[in-house]
N, C-alpha and C. Protein backbone atom coordinates (compact mmCIF):
# COMPACT_ATOMS: atom_id res chain seq x y z
N MET A 1 -7.64 3.03 -3.21
CA MET A 1 -7.14 4.00 -4.03
C MET A 1 -7.50 5.41 -3.53
N PHE A 2 -6.53 6.24 -3.44
CA PHE A 2 -6.77 7.58 -2.84
C PHE A 2 -7.36 8.49 -3.98
N GLN A 3 -8.36 9.17 -3.60
CA GLN A 3 -9.05 10.07 -4.56
C GLN A 3 -8.66 11.48 -4.33
N THR A 4 -8.18 11.88 -3.14
CA THR A 4 -7.69 13.18 -2.89
C THR A 4 -6.34 13.21 -2.10
N ILE A 5 -5.59 14.20 -2.37
CA ILE A 5 -4.31 14.51 -1.69
C ILE A 5 -4.51 14.60 -0.29
N GLN A 6 -5.65 15.31 0.15
CA GLN A 6 -5.96 15.43 1.61
C GLN A 6 -6.11 14.00 2.31
N ALA A 7 -6.86 13.13 1.58
CA ALA A 7 -7.01 11.71 2.22
C ALA A 7 -5.68 11.12 2.34
N PHE A 8 -4.84 11.08 1.39
CA PHE A 8 -3.57 10.51 1.49
C PHE A 8 -2.80 11.15 2.59
N GLU A 9 -2.81 12.51 2.72
CA GLU A 9 -2.00 13.22 3.75
C GLU A 9 -2.46 12.74 5.20
N HIS A 10 -3.77 12.58 5.28
CA HIS A 10 -4.33 12.03 6.63
C HIS A 10 -3.83 10.60 6.88
N GLU A 11 -4.01 9.74 5.92
CA GLU A 11 -3.68 8.36 6.10
C GLU A 11 -2.15 8.29 6.33
N TRP A 12 -1.36 8.99 5.44
CA TRP A 12 0.08 8.85 5.63
C TRP A 12 0.54 9.33 6.91
N GLY A 13 -0.02 10.44 7.47
CA GLY A 13 0.34 10.90 8.80
C GLY A 13 0.17 9.77 9.80
N HIS A 14 -0.86 9.07 9.86
CA HIS A 14 -1.05 7.98 10.81
C HIS A 14 -0.15 6.74 10.48
N GLU A 15 -0.01 6.37 9.31
CA GLU A 15 0.88 5.18 9.00
C GLU A 15 2.36 5.46 9.12
N ALA A 16 2.81 6.71 8.62
CA ALA A 16 4.17 7.05 8.89
C ALA A 16 4.53 7.16 10.31
N ALA A 17 3.64 7.71 11.14
CA ALA A 17 3.88 7.72 12.62
C ALA A 17 4.03 6.37 13.20
N GLY A 18 3.23 5.41 12.76
CA GLY A 18 3.35 4.05 13.26
C GLY A 18 4.67 3.45 12.85
N THR A 19 5.09 3.65 11.57
CA THR A 19 6.36 3.12 11.14
C THR A 19 7.39 3.67 11.95
N GLN A 20 7.38 5.02 12.13
CA GLN A 20 8.49 5.75 12.89
C GLN A 20 8.47 5.21 14.26
N LYS A 21 7.40 4.93 14.98
CA LYS A 21 7.43 4.28 16.34
C LYS A 21 8.26 3.09 16.35
N ILE A 22 8.08 2.24 15.36
CA ILE A 22 8.75 0.96 15.30
C ILE A 22 10.18 1.20 15.08
N LEU A 23 10.54 1.98 14.12
CA LEU A 23 11.93 2.33 13.76
C LEU A 23 12.68 2.88 14.95
N ASP A 24 12.11 3.84 15.68
CA ASP A 24 12.72 4.50 16.86
C ASP A 24 13.00 3.55 17.97
N VAL A 25 12.50 2.33 18.09
CA VAL A 25 12.82 1.43 19.12
C VAL A 25 14.09 0.58 18.80
N LEU A 26 14.32 0.35 17.49
CA LEU A 26 15.44 -0.41 17.09
C LEU A 26 16.79 -0.01 17.75
N THR A 27 17.64 -0.99 18.01
CA THR A 27 19.05 -0.74 18.46
C THR A 27 20.02 -1.20 17.50
N ASP A 28 21.21 -0.63 17.59
CA ASP A 28 22.25 -1.12 16.63
C ASP A 28 22.34 -2.67 16.60
N ALA A 29 22.35 -3.29 17.91
CA ALA A 29 22.55 -4.79 18.01
C ALA A 29 21.40 -5.44 17.34
N SER A 30 20.17 -4.87 17.63
CA SER A 30 18.89 -5.63 16.96
C SER A 30 18.98 -5.68 15.51
N LEU A 31 19.59 -4.81 14.73
CA LEU A 31 19.58 -4.87 13.40
C LEU A 31 19.95 -6.20 12.71
N GLN A 32 20.84 -6.92 13.50
CA GLN A 32 21.28 -8.19 13.02
C GLN A 32 20.28 -9.32 13.16
N GLN A 33 19.22 -9.18 14.00
CA GLN A 33 18.21 -10.17 14.18
C GLN A 33 17.65 -10.78 12.97
N GLU A 34 17.58 -12.11 12.86
CA GLU A 34 17.00 -12.73 11.69
C GLU A 34 16.23 -14.00 12.14
N VAL A 35 15.17 -14.35 11.46
CA VAL A 35 14.42 -15.52 11.76
C VAL A 35 15.23 -16.76 11.56
N THR A 36 15.85 -16.88 10.37
CA THR A 36 16.71 -17.96 10.01
C THR A 36 17.86 -17.45 9.22
N PRO A 37 19.04 -18.13 9.20
CA PRO A 37 20.13 -17.64 8.42
C PRO A 37 19.66 -17.49 6.93
N GLY A 38 20.14 -16.32 6.34
CA GLY A 38 19.73 -16.11 4.94
C GLY A 38 18.59 -15.26 4.79
N ASP A 39 17.70 -15.15 5.84
CA ASP A 39 16.54 -14.27 5.72
C ASP A 39 16.92 -12.83 5.93
N ARG A 40 16.08 -11.93 5.49
CA ARG A 40 16.28 -10.47 5.77
C ARG A 40 16.44 -10.33 7.30
N THR A 41 17.36 -9.51 7.66
CA THR A 41 17.53 -9.10 9.14
C THR A 41 16.54 -8.00 9.41
N LEU A 42 16.40 -7.68 10.71
CA LEU A 42 15.59 -6.71 11.05
C LEU A 42 16.09 -5.40 10.59
N GLY A 43 17.30 -5.09 10.47
CA GLY A 43 17.97 -3.94 9.95
C GLY A 43 17.62 -3.81 8.42
N ARG A 44 17.78 -4.92 7.74
CA ARG A 44 17.49 -4.98 6.27
C ARG A 44 16.08 -4.68 5.91
N LEU A 45 15.11 -5.17 6.80
CA LEU A 45 13.66 -4.82 6.65
C LEU A 45 13.43 -3.39 6.91
N ALA A 46 14.04 -2.92 7.92
CA ALA A 46 13.89 -1.43 8.24
C ALA A 46 14.33 -0.60 7.07
N TRP A 47 15.44 -0.92 6.57
CA TRP A 47 16.18 -0.12 5.46
C TRP A 47 15.27 -0.29 4.16
N HIS A 48 14.71 -1.45 4.02
CA HIS A 48 13.88 -1.71 2.83
C HIS A 48 12.72 -0.70 2.85
N ILE A 49 12.08 -0.60 4.05
CA ILE A 49 10.93 0.38 4.16
C ILE A 49 11.39 1.72 3.79
N VAL A 50 12.52 2.19 4.20
CA VAL A 50 13.06 3.51 3.98
C VAL A 50 13.39 3.65 2.45
N THR A 51 14.05 2.77 1.90
CA THR A 51 14.53 2.89 0.43
C THR A 51 13.29 2.73 -0.52
N THR A 52 12.23 1.93 -0.11
CA THR A 52 11.15 1.72 -1.04
C THR A 52 10.31 3.07 -1.22
N LEU A 53 10.40 4.03 -0.32
CA LEU A 53 9.77 5.25 -0.55
C LEU A 53 10.13 5.94 -1.86
N HIS A 54 11.61 6.02 -2.03
CA HIS A 54 12.03 6.69 -3.29
C HIS A 54 11.88 5.64 -4.48
N GLU A 55 12.24 4.41 -4.21
CA GLU A 55 12.18 3.37 -5.25
C GLU A 55 10.79 3.34 -5.89
N MET A 56 9.81 3.26 -5.28
CA MET A 56 8.51 3.05 -5.72
C MET A 56 7.92 4.43 -6.20
N MET A 57 8.09 5.42 -5.49
CA MET A 57 7.44 6.66 -5.88
C MET A 57 8.13 7.40 -7.03
N SER A 58 9.43 7.14 -7.17
CA SER A 58 10.21 7.80 -8.24
C SER A 58 9.69 7.24 -9.67
N ARG A 59 9.11 6.12 -9.58
CA ARG A 59 8.58 5.52 -10.84
C ARG A 59 7.32 6.23 -11.37
N THR A 60 6.76 7.07 -10.42
CA THR A 60 5.68 7.92 -10.90
C THR A 60 6.02 9.32 -11.39
N GLY A 61 7.42 9.56 -11.34
CA GLY A 61 7.86 10.83 -11.67
C GLY A 61 8.05 11.82 -10.48
N LEU A 62 7.55 11.42 -9.29
CA LEU A 62 7.59 12.27 -8.13
C LEU A 62 9.01 12.51 -7.77
N GLU A 63 9.42 13.68 -7.45
CA GLU A 63 10.87 14.01 -7.09
C GLU A 63 10.97 14.48 -5.76
N PHE A 64 11.74 13.83 -4.99
CA PHE A 64 12.07 14.17 -3.60
C PHE A 64 13.29 13.43 -3.15
N ASP A 65 13.93 14.02 -2.02
CA ASP A 65 15.09 13.53 -1.51
C ASP A 65 14.91 12.39 -0.48
N ALA A 66 15.42 11.21 -0.85
CA ALA A 66 15.31 10.07 -0.08
C ALA A 66 16.42 8.99 -0.45
N PRO A 67 16.75 8.18 0.38
CA PRO A 67 17.74 7.15 0.02
C PRO A 67 17.33 6.25 -1.15
N HIS A 68 18.11 5.86 -2.00
CA HIS A 68 17.75 5.14 -3.18
C HIS A 68 17.78 3.66 -2.75
N HIS A 69 17.16 2.85 -3.50
CA HIS A 69 17.03 1.41 -3.14
C HIS A 69 18.40 0.64 -3.16
N ASP A 70 19.36 1.14 -3.84
CA ASP A 70 20.74 0.51 -3.72
C ASP A 70 21.63 1.19 -2.81
N ALA A 71 21.09 2.12 -1.86
CA ALA A 71 21.89 2.71 -0.80
C ALA A 71 22.40 1.61 0.15
N ALA A 72 23.67 1.84 0.64
CA ALA A 72 24.18 0.83 1.62
C ALA A 72 23.35 0.82 2.76
N LEU A 73 23.17 -0.45 3.48
CA LEU A 73 22.51 -0.54 4.65
C LEU A 73 23.31 0.13 5.87
N PRO A 74 22.83 0.95 6.65
CA PRO A 74 23.48 1.54 7.65
C PRO A 74 23.66 0.62 8.83
N THR A 75 24.72 0.72 9.62
CA THR A 75 24.90 -0.01 10.78
C THR A 75 24.31 0.66 12.01
N SER A 76 23.79 1.89 11.88
CA SER A 76 23.20 2.53 12.99
C SER A 76 21.64 2.57 12.93
N ALA A 77 21.03 2.12 14.04
CA ALA A 77 19.49 2.16 14.00
C ALA A 77 19.06 3.54 13.96
N LYS A 78 19.74 4.46 14.59
CA LYS A 78 19.35 5.89 14.54
C LYS A 78 19.39 6.44 13.22
N GLU A 79 20.42 6.07 12.36
CA GLU A 79 20.54 6.55 11.02
C GLU A 79 19.38 6.11 10.23
N ILE A 80 18.93 4.90 10.44
CA ILE A 80 17.69 4.29 9.64
C ILE A 80 16.55 5.02 10.06
N ALA A 81 16.26 5.32 11.36
CA ALA A 81 15.09 5.98 11.88
C ALA A 81 15.10 7.42 11.37
N ASP A 82 16.28 8.15 11.42
CA ASP A 82 16.31 9.47 10.95
C ASP A 82 16.06 9.47 9.46
N ALA A 83 16.63 8.60 8.76
CA ALA A 83 16.45 8.61 7.23
C ALA A 83 14.93 8.41 6.89
N TYR A 84 14.23 7.53 7.59
CA TYR A 84 12.76 7.36 7.34
C TYR A 84 12.00 8.68 7.71
N ARG A 85 12.36 9.25 8.79
CA ARG A 85 11.72 10.61 9.27
C ARG A 85 11.89 11.59 8.15
N SER A 86 13.06 11.74 7.62
CA SER A 86 13.29 12.72 6.55
C SER A 86 12.73 12.44 5.24
N ALA A 87 12.74 11.09 4.85
CA ALA A 87 12.21 10.70 3.49
C ALA A 87 10.71 10.64 3.57
N SER A 88 10.18 10.39 4.67
CA SER A 88 8.70 10.39 4.77
C SER A 88 8.15 11.75 4.69
N ALA A 89 8.73 12.68 5.36
CA ALA A 89 8.27 14.07 5.23
C ALA A 89 8.47 14.60 3.86
N ALA A 90 9.68 14.22 3.11
CA ALA A 90 9.96 14.72 1.79
C ALA A 90 8.88 14.27 0.81
N LEU A 91 8.49 12.96 1.02
CA LEU A 91 7.56 12.33 0.11
C LEU A 91 6.24 13.03 0.33
N LEU A 92 5.79 13.22 1.43
CA LEU A 92 4.48 14.04 1.69
C LEU A 92 4.63 15.40 1.15
N ASP A 93 5.68 16.07 1.32
CA ASP A 93 5.78 17.44 0.74
C ASP A 93 5.75 17.40 -0.85
N ALA A 94 6.38 16.36 -1.46
CA ALA A 94 6.41 16.20 -2.86
C ALA A 94 5.05 16.01 -3.43
N VAL A 95 4.31 14.95 -2.80
CA VAL A 95 2.86 14.70 -3.15
C VAL A 95 2.06 15.90 -3.13
N LYS A 96 2.16 16.73 -2.02
CA LYS A 96 1.39 17.97 -1.90
C LYS A 96 1.66 19.02 -2.82
N SER A 97 3.00 19.13 -3.17
CA SER A 97 3.50 20.23 -4.07
C SER A 97 3.47 19.89 -5.55
N GLN A 98 3.64 18.59 -5.79
CA GLN A 98 3.84 18.22 -7.28
C GLN A 98 2.59 17.68 -7.91
N TRP A 99 1.81 17.16 -7.02
CA TRP A 99 0.53 16.50 -7.64
C TRP A 99 -0.73 17.25 -7.15
N THR A 100 -1.80 16.96 -7.82
CA THR A 100 -3.15 17.57 -7.56
C THR A 100 -4.07 16.34 -7.48
N ASP A 101 -5.28 16.50 -7.03
CA ASP A 101 -6.20 15.36 -6.93
C ASP A 101 -6.36 14.66 -8.39
N ALA A 102 -6.25 15.40 -9.38
CA ALA A 102 -6.37 14.86 -10.73
C ALA A 102 -5.17 13.91 -11.05
N THR A 103 -3.97 14.23 -10.51
CA THR A 103 -2.94 13.34 -10.76
C THR A 103 -3.00 11.98 -10.24
N LEU A 104 -3.87 11.77 -9.20
CA LEU A 104 -4.12 10.49 -8.59
C LEU A 104 -4.75 9.48 -9.45
N VAL A 105 -5.31 9.91 -10.63
CA VAL A 105 -5.87 8.94 -11.42
C VAL A 105 -5.10 8.72 -12.69
N GLU A 106 -3.88 9.39 -12.86
CA GLU A 106 -2.97 9.18 -13.93
C GLU A 106 -2.28 7.81 -13.68
N GLU A 107 -1.94 7.10 -14.66
CA GLU A 107 -1.37 5.81 -14.52
C GLU A 107 0.04 5.95 -14.89
N CYS A 108 0.85 5.08 -14.16
CA CYS A 108 2.31 4.99 -14.39
C CYS A 108 2.73 3.48 -14.52
N GLU A 109 3.75 3.19 -15.09
CA GLU A 109 4.26 1.94 -15.28
C GLU A 109 4.82 1.45 -13.90
N MET A 110 4.38 0.43 -13.37
CA MET A 110 4.75 -0.02 -12.04
C MET A 110 4.99 -1.52 -12.07
N TYR A 111 6.32 -2.01 -12.20
CA TYR A 111 6.68 -3.46 -12.14
C TYR A 111 5.86 -4.16 -13.15
N GLY A 112 5.72 -3.67 -14.37
CA GLY A 112 5.15 -4.42 -15.46
C GLY A 112 3.68 -4.18 -15.62
N MET A 113 3.17 -3.42 -14.78
CA MET A 113 1.71 -3.09 -14.80
C MET A 113 1.51 -1.58 -14.84
N LYS A 114 0.34 -1.12 -15.12
CA LYS A 114 -0.09 0.25 -15.07
C LYS A 114 -0.94 0.47 -13.74
N TRP A 115 -0.41 1.34 -12.90
CA TRP A 115 -1.14 1.61 -11.66
C TRP A 115 -1.56 3.21 -11.70
N PRO A 116 -2.85 3.48 -11.33
CA PRO A 116 -3.01 4.89 -11.06
C PRO A 116 -2.18 5.40 -9.85
N ASN A 117 -1.73 6.61 -9.77
CA ASN A 117 -1.07 7.09 -8.71
C ASN A 117 -1.64 6.96 -7.27
N GLY A 118 -3.01 7.12 -7.30
CA GLY A 118 -3.68 6.87 -6.08
C GLY A 118 -3.55 5.40 -5.57
N VAL A 119 -3.49 4.48 -6.45
CA VAL A 119 -3.31 3.06 -6.10
C VAL A 119 -1.84 2.84 -5.62
N THR A 120 -0.91 3.42 -6.35
CA THR A 120 0.53 3.38 -5.93
C THR A 120 0.68 3.79 -4.42
N LEU A 121 0.01 5.04 -4.12
CA LEU A 121 0.16 5.43 -2.77
C LEU A 121 -0.50 4.43 -1.75
N SER A 122 -1.58 3.86 -2.11
CA SER A 122 -2.24 2.84 -1.21
C SER A 122 -1.32 1.62 -0.95
N ILE A 123 -0.75 1.20 -2.13
CA ILE A 123 0.19 -0.03 -2.03
C ILE A 123 1.49 0.33 -1.29
N LEU A 124 1.87 1.62 -1.37
CA LEU A 124 3.04 2.04 -0.58
C LEU A 124 2.73 1.80 0.91
N ILE A 125 1.60 2.28 1.27
CA ILE A 125 1.18 2.17 2.74
C ILE A 125 1.05 0.71 3.07
N SER A 126 0.45 -0.06 2.30
CA SER A 126 0.24 -1.52 2.58
C SER A 126 1.65 -2.19 2.62
N HIS A 127 2.52 -1.81 1.85
CA HIS A 127 3.83 -2.36 1.85
C HIS A 127 4.55 -2.09 3.29
N GLN A 128 4.34 -0.92 3.76
CA GLN A 128 4.99 -0.60 5.12
C GLN A 128 4.32 -1.38 6.21
N ILE A 129 3.08 -1.51 6.08
CA ILE A 129 2.31 -2.30 7.11
C ILE A 129 2.68 -3.82 7.14
N HIS A 130 2.86 -4.30 5.90
CA HIS A 130 3.27 -5.65 5.70
C HIS A 130 4.77 -5.90 6.38
N HIS A 131 5.67 -4.99 6.17
CA HIS A 131 6.98 -5.22 6.80
C HIS A 131 7.08 -4.79 8.23
N ARG A 132 6.23 -3.74 8.69
CA ARG A 132 6.04 -3.55 10.08
C ARG A 132 5.71 -4.78 10.91
N GLY A 133 4.78 -5.54 10.35
CA GLY A 133 4.49 -6.82 10.99
C GLY A 133 5.54 -7.82 11.11
N GLN A 134 6.25 -7.91 10.04
CA GLN A 134 7.50 -8.80 10.11
C GLN A 134 8.51 -8.24 11.21
N MET A 135 8.60 -6.94 11.12
CA MET A 135 9.66 -6.41 12.11
C MET A 135 9.20 -6.64 13.53
N THR A 136 8.01 -6.53 13.85
CA THR A 136 7.56 -6.75 15.27
C THR A 136 7.94 -8.12 15.71
N ILE A 137 7.88 -9.13 14.85
CA ILE A 137 8.34 -10.56 15.40
C ILE A 137 9.81 -10.51 15.66
N LEU A 138 10.60 -9.91 14.79
CA LEU A 138 12.05 -9.95 14.89
C LEU A 138 12.33 -8.99 16.20
N MET A 139 11.56 -8.02 16.38
CA MET A 139 11.83 -7.19 17.62
C MET A 139 11.57 -7.95 18.82
N ARG A 140 10.61 -8.80 18.88
CA ARG A 140 10.29 -9.55 20.10
C ARG A 140 11.48 -10.62 20.21
N GLN A 141 11.87 -11.22 19.08
CA GLN A 141 12.93 -12.18 19.27
C GLN A 141 14.40 -11.43 19.69
N ALA A 142 14.58 -10.23 19.37
CA ALA A 142 15.62 -9.44 19.77
C ALA A 142 15.49 -8.93 21.34
N GLY A 143 14.38 -9.15 21.84
CA GLY A 143 14.13 -8.63 23.17
C GLY A 143 13.75 -7.08 23.33
N LEU A 144 13.30 -6.53 22.20
CA LEU A 144 12.96 -5.19 22.18
C LEU A 144 11.48 -5.09 22.56
N PRO A 145 11.03 -4.02 23.21
CA PRO A 145 9.64 -3.79 23.38
C PRO A 145 9.06 -3.31 22.08
N VAL A 146 7.82 -3.76 21.82
CA VAL A 146 7.05 -3.47 20.56
C VAL A 146 6.04 -2.36 20.87
N PRO A 147 6.13 -1.27 20.20
CA PRO A 147 5.16 -0.20 20.53
C PRO A 147 3.82 -0.53 19.65
N GLY A 148 2.78 -0.11 20.28
CA GLY A 148 1.49 -0.36 19.62
C GLY A 148 1.33 0.61 18.59
N VAL A 149 0.73 0.14 17.45
CA VAL A 149 0.43 1.04 16.32
C VAL A 149 -1.16 1.19 16.13
N TYR A 150 -1.94 0.13 16.20
CA TYR A 150 -3.40 0.19 16.04
C TYR A 150 -3.99 -0.02 17.34
N GLY A 151 -3.31 0.00 18.41
CA GLY A 151 -3.75 -0.23 19.72
C GLY A 151 -2.60 -0.59 20.63
N PRO A 152 -2.79 -0.72 21.96
CA PRO A 152 -1.67 -0.98 22.85
C PRO A 152 -1.07 -2.32 22.59
N SER A 153 0.17 -2.37 22.66
CA SER A 153 0.94 -3.64 22.63
C SER A 153 0.88 -4.29 23.90
N LYS A 154 1.49 -5.58 23.99
CA LYS A 154 1.62 -6.26 25.26
C LYS A 154 2.28 -5.42 26.33
N GLU A 155 3.41 -4.77 25.92
CA GLU A 155 4.14 -4.00 26.94
C GLU A 155 3.28 -2.78 27.40
N GLU A 156 2.58 -2.08 26.46
CA GLU A 156 1.70 -0.97 26.79
C GLU A 156 0.59 -1.28 27.64
N TRP A 157 -0.01 -2.50 27.47
CA TRP A 157 -1.11 -3.03 28.41
C TRP A 157 -0.52 -3.06 29.81
N ALA A 158 0.68 -3.64 30.00
CA ALA A 158 1.32 -3.87 31.28
C ALA A 158 1.63 -2.58 31.89
N GLN A 159 2.06 -1.61 31.12
CA GLN A 159 2.28 -0.32 31.66
C GLN A 159 0.99 0.38 32.21
N MET A 160 -0.11 -0.05 31.68
CA MET A 160 -1.33 0.57 32.19
C MET A 160 -1.90 -0.19 33.24
N GLY A 161 -1.09 -1.20 33.68
CA GLY A 161 -1.56 -2.09 34.77
C GLY A 161 -2.72 -3.07 34.33
N MET A 162 -2.75 -3.38 33.16
CA MET A 162 -3.90 -4.19 32.57
C MET A 162 -3.38 -5.47 31.91
N GLU A 163 -4.16 -6.37 31.72
CA GLU A 163 -3.94 -7.50 30.86
C GLU A 163 -4.51 -7.28 29.50
N PRO A 164 -3.78 -7.74 28.41
CA PRO A 164 -4.48 -7.59 27.08
C PRO A 164 -5.65 -8.37 27.10
N PRO A 165 -6.75 -7.94 26.16
CA PRO A 165 -7.99 -8.66 26.15
C PRO A 165 -7.71 -10.12 25.56
N ALA A 166 -8.33 -11.00 26.01
CA ALA A 166 -8.27 -12.44 25.49
C ALA A 166 -8.93 -12.47 24.18
N ILE A 167 -8.47 -13.11 23.25
CA ILE A 167 -8.93 -13.16 21.85
C ILE A 167 -9.62 -14.57 21.64
């Protein structure tokens, strides 16, 4: 749970940048990649990350401009990446301008439960991390290079002329 807006701002900066790196690699063709028929495609997962920003945070009363959860899935990878870039910045601006540290302990109705706003922000970040992991598998299946988020990826190790450490 976040105790301060400043702590959220710091963490969001890092995590949003990681999500943006993943989204910026997607191609229009890769958006159709799926594990099995009927599962979410890579494009659907990416768009879900984008639309969840507004869907989840609007439940707290936070107001900002971002695609709604029922917005149509774009066919352009650039449109998805650009929408995240804009929505992510708008979310951070809204938190900084509409909330205080005291707001983080206020509880809101979230999916049948009461969550403090600081918990909701933490879960929003965890949600992105969860889906980024799913996306990297689909990106590999689609033949895309996977950018490192918490350290170098296989491709980034190779660019450095090194082998990834054995685990």
